């Protein structure tokens, strides 16, 4: 008989359950506007719905994984993971966060995607540049022009403009 946490699906469902419970607890701390109390949909509604849904799904996954007799142990699954690209992407995310204020949304995000493509093995430079720039410019247009959100252009842009 396998141990409870030596089943990859059960371990993943348990991690999702713990994360969802923490997210539900954190969503209860979202402050409410006094005017929103009379309305059915508040700033807490979507986070609570998402966390309860994830809790329900993770409990279902735990129960279904109990009846899976052909599952591989977690140690077998972990031996096939490419650790170098994963750790490089985590480091790249940290660099992205630290350079975001200086480079701005468009430049920092485009560089992040381009370097991530290269780390993951995409060697067609023209395709990856077009995809990263196209996606970032589309997101910038939707967020700023349609939704009216402010995205920082970065200190580099402000320095070059002045």
Protein backbone atom coordinates (compact mmCIF):
# COMPACT_ATOMS: atom_id res chain seq x y z
CA UNK A 1 0.00 0.00 0.00
CA UNK A 2 1.29 3.44 -0.92
CA UNK A 3 1.56 6.23 1.58
CA UNK A 4 -1.04 8.99 1.40
CA UNK A 5 1.35 11.66 0.11
CA UNK A 6 3.29 9.37 -2.22
CA UNK A 7 0.57 9.63 -4.87
CA UNK A 8 1.13 12.50 -7.31
CA UNK A 9 -2.54 13.34 -7.86
CA UNK A 10 -3.36 13.14 -4.16
CA UNK A 11 -0.38 15.33 -3.26
CA UNK A 12 -1.33 17.91 -5.89
CA UNK A 13 -4.95 17.95 -4.71
CA UNK A 14 -3.82 18.35 -1.11
CA UNK A 15 -1.53 21.28 -2.01
CA UNK A 16 -4.42 22.87 -3.92
CA UNK A 17 -6.68 22.34 -0.91
CA UNK A 18 -4.23 24.01 1.49
CA UNK A 19 -3.68 26.92 -0.90
CA UNK A 20 -7.44 27.35 -1.38
CA UNK A 21 -8.09 27.37 2.35
CA UNK A 22 -5.42 30.03 2.85
CA UNK A 23 -6.88 32.02 -0.07
CA UNK A 24 -10.38 31.76 1.43
CA UNK A 25 -9.08 33.01 4.78
CA UNK A 26 -7.27 35.89 3.06
CA UNK A 27 -10.32 36.83 1.00
CA UNK A 28 -12.29 37.32 4.20
CA UNK A 29 -9.89 40.16 5.07
CA UNK A 30 -10.75 42.18 1.96
CA UNK A 31 -12.26 45.46 3.17
CA UNK A 32 -15.81 46.22 2.09
CA UNK A 33 -17.09 49.61 1.07
CA UNK A 34 -20.11 50.58 3.24
CA UNK A 35 -22.13 51.27 0.09
CA UNK A 36 -21.45 47.76 -1.25
CA UNK A 37 -23.00 45.99 1.73
CA UNK A 38 -26.49 46.35 0.24
CA UNK A 39 -25.41 44.96 -3.11
CA UNK A 40 -25.10 41.20 -3.58
CA UNK A 41 -21.77 41.35 -5.43
CA UNK A 42 -18.87 42.90 -3.50
CA UNK A 43 -15.10 42.89 -3.72
CA UNK A 44 -15.08 39.64 -1.72
CA UNK A 45 -17.56 37.77 -3.92
CA UNK A 46 -15.25 36.55 -6.70
CA UNK A 47 -12.33 35.53 -4.42
CA UNK A 48 -14.72 33.63 -2.14
CA UNK A 49 -16.38 31.92 -5.11
CA UNK A 50 -13.00 30.95 -6.59
CA UNK A 51 -11.63 29.61 -3.31
CA UNK A 52 -14.78 27.60 -2.49
CA UNK A 53 -14.78 26.16 -6.01
CA UNK A 54 -11.12 25.19 -5.71
CA UNK A 55 -11.75 23.61 -2.30
CA UNK A 56 -14.62 21.56 -3.73
CA UNK A 57 -12.55 20.43 -6.73
CA UNK A 58 -9.52 19.54 -4.61
CA UNK A 59 -11.66 17.45 -2.23
CA UNK A 60 -13.11 15.63 -5.25
CA UNK A 61 -9.59 15.03 -6.58
CA UNK A 62 -8.47 13.59 -3.23
CA UNK A 63 -11.42 11.18 -3.17
CA UNK A 64 -10.92 10.12 -6.81
CA UNK A 65 -7.22 9.55 -6.26
CA UNK A 66 -7.96 7.09 -3.44
CA UNK A 67 -9.47 4.70 -6.00
CA UNK A 68 -6.65 5.06 -8.54
CA UNK A 69 -4.60 1.88 -8.17
CA UNK A 70 -2.18 2.46 -11.07
CA UNK A 71 -0.68 5.72 -9.89
CA UNK A 72 3.06 6.26 -9.89
CA UNK A 73 4.80 7.44 -6.73
CA UNK A 74 5.79 11.09 -6.48
CA UNK A 75 9.48 10.19 -6.38
CA UNK A 76 9.20 8.61 -9.86
CA UNK A 77 7.43 11.66 -11.24
CA UNK A 78 9.91 14.13 -9.73
CA UNK A 79 12.87 12.39 -11.34
CA UNK A 80 11.68 13.42 -14.83
CA UNK A 81 11.23 17.13 -14.14
CA UNK A 82 13.55 19.58 -15.84
CA UNK A 83 14.74 21.46 -12.77
CA UNK A 84 17.08 23.88 -14.53
CA UNK A 85 14.46 25.56 -16.75
CA UNK A 86 12.02 25.70 -13.84
CA UNK A 87 14.52 27.38 -11.51
CA UNK A 88 15.63 29.70 -14.31
CA UNK A 89 12.02 30.79 -14.87
CA UNK A 90 11.57 31.45 -11.16
CA UNK A 91 14.72 33.58 -11.18
CA UNK A 92 13.48 35.32 -14.33
CA UNK A 93 10.19 36.15 -12.59
CA UNK A 94 12.12 37.72 -9.71
CA UNK A 95 14.15 39.81 -12.17
CA UNK A 96 10.92 40.82 -13.94
CA UNK A 97 9.39 42.05 -10.69
CA UNK A 98 12.48 44.04 -9.75
CA UNK A 99 12.87 45.69 -13.18
CA UNK A 100 9.18 46.42 -13.74
CA UNK A 101 9.27 49.92 -12.20
CA UNK A 102 12.33 50.93 -14.19
CA UNK A 103 11.44 49.44 -17.58
CA UNK A 104 7.66 49.73 -17.45
CA UNK A 105 4.95 47.28 -18.40
CA UNK A 106 5.55 46.97 -22.13
CA UNK A 107 9.33 46.67 -22.18
CA UNK A 108 9.68 44.55 -19.02
CA UNK A 109 6.90 42.15 -20.06
CA UNK A 110 8.17 41.80 -23.63
CA UNK A 111 11.70 41.06 -22.39
CA UNK A 112 10.33 38.62 -19.82
CA UNK A 113 8.39 36.69 -22.46
CA UNK A 114 11.26 36.73 -24.94
CA UNK A 115 13.77 35.38 -22.42
CA UNK A 116 11.22 32.81 -21.18
CA UNK A 117 10.74 31.59 -24.75
CA UNK A 118 14.50 31.21 -25.10
CA UNK A 119 14.78 29.36 -21.77
CA UNK A 120 12.05 26.95 -22.82
CA UNK A 121 13.80 26.13 -26.07
CA UNK A 122 12.09 28.27 -28.71
CA UNK A 123 14.78 29.07 -31.27
CA UNK A 124 12.67 30.82 -33.93
CA UNK A 125 13.56 34.39 -33.02
CA UNK A 126 11.16 36.14 -35.37
CA UNK A 127 8.21 34.07 -34.18
CA UNK A 128 8.97 34.57 -30.49
CA UNK A 129 9.51 38.32 -30.90
CA UNK A 130 6.23 38.67 -32.81
CA UNK A 131 4.30 36.62 -30.25
CA UNK A 132 5.75 38.39 -27.22
CA UNK A 133 5.37 41.91 -28.62
CA UNK A 134 1.95 41.17 -30.09
CA UNK A 135 0.64 39.72 -26.85
CA UNK A 136 2.02 42.51 -24.68
CA UNK A 137 0.77 45.27 -26.97
CA UNK A 138 -2.67 43.62 -27.13
CA UNK A 139 -2.78 43.39 -23.34
CA UNK A 140 -1.59 46.99 -23.02
CA UNK A 141 -4.32 48.16 -25.43
CA UNK A 142 -7.07 46.21 -23.66
CA UNK A 143 -6.03 47.28 -20.17
CA UNK A 144 -5.34 50.94 -20.89
CA UNK A 145 -7.63 51.87 -23.75
CA UNK A 146 -10.66 49.67 -23.08
CA UNK A 147 -10.62 49.22 -19.30
CA UNK A 148 -8.97 52.57 -18.57
CA UNK A 149 -6.35 51.14 -16.20
CA UNK A 150 -3.04 52.88 -15.63
CA UNK A 151 0.06 50.87 -16.47
CA UNK A 152 3.38 52.39 -15.51
CA UNK A 153 5.54 53.33 -18.47
CA UNK A 154 8.67 53.06 -16.33
CA UNK A 155 11.37 55.39 -15.13
CA UNK A 156 13.46 54.71 -18.23
CA UNK A 157 10.71 56.08 -20.49
CA UNK A 158 10.22 59.13 -18.28
CA UNK A 159 13.98 59.82 -18.28
CA UNK A 160 14.24 59.50 -22.06
CA UNK A 161 11.18 61.69 -22.59
CA UNK A 162 12.45 64.57 -20.46
